[in-house]
């Protein structure tokens, strides 16, 4: 349960303001974000489970759909065993997380939201490239983060009982989200 002090620091929910790209400074900032993102294209990304990096060698290639010769990135795919491990590790951590005071959970989520807000144009630039937005100068469509510090406190209040871990069926690897994009 939140304390009056915690609740007083949180304002009522409000959507993030849309960035006006007709303002030269905003447009320049968005274009700079696209330059930063384009410098990162084509990298391999490890699979992270419980704070440890994993390289499986089986890569999912993300392509820019409007320029299929452009590799956005390559991501190591989880094996059924690694997916099961991730579920089991998360389940094992639940006991510790459930004892974290609500105020601390809120603090962590608000900090994460602040980081997302600070880097919102970079996140939008990644979305522009991954979604294949076309045009001579692709610009972010919304330029607003998907998490607002004002929307998250209720999500921090989880139940005190975890759901049991589920098994990861081998058929999961046949799911389209686990297949590599055509080269």
Protein backbone atom coordinates (compact mmCIF):
# COMPACT_ATOMS: atom_id res chain seq x y z
CA UNK A 1 0.00 0.00 0.00
CA UNK A 2 1.30 3.44 -0.83
CA UNK A 3 1.95 5.97 1.86
CA UNK A 4 0.53 9.50 1.73
CA UNK A 5 4.06 10.81 1.00
CA UNK A 6 4.43 8.50 -2.02
CA UNK A 7 0.98 9.30 -3.34
CA UNK A 8 1.55 13.04 -2.95
CA UNK A 9 4.55 12.87 -5.31
CA UNK A 10 2.52 11.22 -8.07
CA UNK A 11 0.40 13.43 -10.24
CA UNK A 12 -2.78 12.38 -11.99
CA UNK A 13 -2.32 10.44 -15.21
CA UNK A 14 -1.65 12.52 -18.29
CA UNK A 15 -0.46 11.34 -21.69
CA UNK A 16 2.98 12.49 -22.68
CA UNK A 17 2.81 15.56 -24.90
CA UNK A 18 3.32 14.93 -28.60
CA UNK A 19 6.54 16.42 -29.94
CA UNK A 20 5.97 19.10 -32.56
CA UNK A 21 8.46 18.37 -35.36
CA UNK A 22 7.70 21.67 -37.09
CA UNK A 23 9.80 23.25 -34.32
CA UNK A 24 13.37 23.25 -35.72
CA UNK A 25 14.99 22.19 -32.42
CA UNK A 26 12.63 19.21 -32.08
CA UNK A 27 13.19 18.16 -35.68
CA UNK A 28 16.97 18.46 -35.27
CA UNK A 29 16.84 16.37 -32.08
CA UNK A 30 14.82 13.66 -33.87
CA UNK A 31 17.21 13.65 -36.82
CA UNK A 32 20.17 13.37 -34.41
CA UNK A 33 18.46 10.39 -32.77
CA UNK A 34 18.10 8.73 -36.18
CA UNK A 35 21.82 9.27 -36.82
CA UNK A 36 22.66 7.67 -33.44
CA UNK A 37 20.40 4.70 -34.15
CA UNK A 38 21.69 4.19 -37.69
CA UNK A 39 25.22 3.99 -36.25
CA UNK A 40 24.06 1.01 -34.16
CA UNK A 41 22.35 -0.95 -36.96
CA UNK A 42 23.45 -4.50 -37.73
CA UNK A 43 24.75 -5.38 -34.26
CA UNK A 44 24.31 -8.77 -32.63
CA UNK A 45 22.35 -8.66 -29.37
CA UNK A 46 22.76 -11.21 -26.60
CA UNK A 47 19.86 -12.93 -24.93
CA UNK A 48 19.63 -11.85 -21.28
CA UNK A 49 18.26 -14.13 -18.57
CA UNK A 50 18.49 -13.22 -14.89
CA UNK A 51 21.32 -10.77 -15.50
CA UNK A 52 23.45 -13.14 -17.61
CA UNK A 53 24.15 -12.84 -21.32
CA UNK A 54 23.64 -15.86 -23.55
CA UNK A 55 24.76 -16.45 -27.13
CA UNK A 56 22.97 -19.34 -28.78
CA UNK A 57 24.29 -18.88 -32.30
CA UNK A 58 20.74 -19.19 -33.62
CA UNK A 59 19.96 -15.62 -34.65
CA UNK A 60 16.74 -13.80 -35.42
CA UNK A 61 17.49 -11.13 -38.01
CA UNK A 62 15.42 -7.96 -37.87
CA UNK A 63 15.26 -6.16 -41.21
CA UNK A 64 14.00 -2.71 -42.10
CA UNK A 65 10.84 -3.68 -44.04
CA UNK A 66 11.13 -0.71 -46.41
CA UNK A 67 14.80 -1.43 -47.11
CA UNK A 68 15.29 -5.18 -46.67
CA UNK A 69 19.02 -4.93 -47.34
CA UNK A 70 19.30 -2.99 -44.05
CA UNK A 71 19.76 -5.20 -40.99
CA UNK A 72 18.34 -3.53 -37.90
CA UNK A 73 19.91 -6.12 -35.63
CA UNK A 74 20.43 -9.81 -34.96
CA UNK A 75 19.15 -11.30 -31.74
CA UNK A 76 20.09 -14.62 -30.21
CA UNK A 77 17.00 -16.80 -30.01
CA UNK A 78 16.18 -18.71 -26.87
CA UNK A 79 16.10 -22.46 -26.95
CA UNK A 80 13.17 -24.13 -25.19
CA UNK A 81 15.58 -24.87 -22.31
CA UNK A 82 16.63 -21.22 -21.99
CA UNK A 83 13.01 -20.06 -22.16
CA UNK A 84 12.16 -22.50 -19.37
CA UNK A 85 15.14 -21.25 -17.37
CA UNK A 86 13.96 -17.64 -17.78
CA UNK A 87 10.51 -18.56 -16.48
CA UNK A 88 11.94 -20.53 -13.58
CA UNK A 89 14.42 -17.78 -12.66
CA UNK A 90 11.67 -15.16 -12.70
CA UNK A 91 9.47 -17.40 -10.56
CA UNK A 92 12.32 -18.00 -8.11
CA UNK A 93 12.93 -14.24 -7.78
CA UNK A 94 9.26 -13.52 -7.05
CA UNK A 95 9.66 -14.17 -3.31
CA UNK A 96 12.38 -11.54 -3.00
CA UNK A 97 10.51 -9.05 -5.21
CA UNK A 98 7.26 -9.54 -3.28
CA UNK A 99 9.02 -8.30 -0.13
CA UNK A 100 10.18 -5.06 -1.78
CA UNK A 101 8.10 -2.23 -0.28
CA UNK A 102 5.59 -0.64 -2.61
CA UNK A 103 7.29 2.74 -2.25
CA UNK A 104 10.55 1.26 -3.55
CA UNK A 105 8.76 -0.42 -6.47
CA UNK A 106 7.14 2.87 -7.37
CA UNK A 107 10.50 4.64 -7.12
CA UNK A 108 12.08 2.13 -9.52
CA UNK A 109 9.28 2.39 -12.06
CA UNK A 110 9.26 6.20 -11.91
CA UNK A 111 13.05 6.19 -12.48
CA UNK A 112 12.63 3.84 -15.45
CA UNK A 113 9.92 6.09 -16.89
CA UNK A 114 12.21 9.11 -16.50
CA UNK A 115 14.95 7.30 -18.45
CA UNK A 116 12.47 6.36 -21.19
CA UNK A 117 11.25 9.96 -21.33
CA UNK A 118 14.84 11.22 -21.59
CA UNK A 119 15.54 8.85 -24.51
CA UNK A 120 12.12 8.96 -26.16
CA UNK A 121 13.47 10.22 -29.48
CA UNK A 122 16.01 7.39 -29.57
CA UNK A 123 13.25 4.85 -28.91
CA UNK A 124 11.16 6.44 -31.64
CA UNK A 125 14.11 6.35 -34.04
CA UNK A 126 14.42 2.59 -33.42
CA UNK A 127 10.71 2.22 -34.13
CA UNK A 128 11.06 4.24 -37.34
CA UNK A 129 13.81 1.92 -38.60
CA UNK A 130 12.15 -1.31 -37.43
CA UNK A 131 8.77 -0.34 -38.86
CA UNK A 132 10.29 0.80 -42.14
CA UNK A 133 8.77 4.27 -42.15
CA UNK A 134 9.31 5.65 -45.62
CA UNK A 135 10.05 9.11 -46.90
CA UNK A 136 13.10 11.22 -47.59
CA UNK A 137 13.41 12.14 -43.91
CA UNK A 138 11.57 9.60 -41.76
CA UNK A 139 10.39 11.11 -38.51
CA UNK A 140 8.98 9.51 -35.39
CA UNK A 141 5.22 9.25 -35.49
CA UNK A 142 4.45 9.90 -31.86
CA UNK A 143 7.66 10.78 -30.04
CA UNK A 144 6.21 9.79 -26.73
CA UNK A 145 7.33 7.01 -24.41
CA UNK A 146 5.07 4.06 -23.81
CA UNK A 147 5.50 4.25 -20.03
CA UNK A 148 4.52 7.26 -18.01
CA UNK A 149 5.58 7.57 -14.37
CA UNK A 150 1.99 8.52 -13.69
CA UNK A 151 0.55 5.28 -15.08
CA UNK A 152 2.67 2.71 -13.32
CA UNK A 153 2.09 2.65 -9.53
CA UNK A 154 -0.88 0.31 -9.80
CA UNK A 155 1.28 -2.09 -11.81
CA UNK A 156 3.81 -2.11 -8.98
CA UNK A 157 1.32 -3.59 -6.56
CA UNK A 158 1.51 -7.25 -7.50
CA UNK A 159 -0.19 -10.04 -5.63
CA UNK A 160 1.71 -11.81 -2.91
CA UNK A 161 1.25 -15.18 -4.61
CA UNK A 162 3.18 -15.98 -7.79
CA UNK A 163 1.72 -17.94 -10.63
CA UNK A 164 3.31 -21.36 -10.99
CA UNK A 165 5.96 -21.60 -13.70
CA UNK A 166 4.74 -23.06 -16.94
CA UNK A 167 6.66 -25.34 -19.21
CA UNK A 168 7.95 -24.07 -22.53
CA UNK A 169 6.72 -26.46 -25.21
CA UNK A 170 9.08 -27.42 -28.00
CA UNK A 171 6.39 -26.25 -30.44
CA UNK A 172 7.20 -22.69 -29.32
CA UNK A 173 10.19 -22.68 -31.66
CA UNK A 174 7.80 -23.09 -34.60
CA UNK A 175 5.97 -19.89 -33.68
CA UNK A 176 6.57 -17.10 -36.23
CA UNK A 177 8.10 -14.74 -33.66
CA UNK A 178 10.95 -17.20 -33.15
CA UNK A 179 11.81 -17.63 -36.83
CA UNK A 180 14.43 -15.58 -38.60
CA UNK A 181 13.36 -13.07 -41.20
CA UNK A 182 14.28 -13.95 -44.78
CA UNK A 183 17.69 -12.69 -45.85
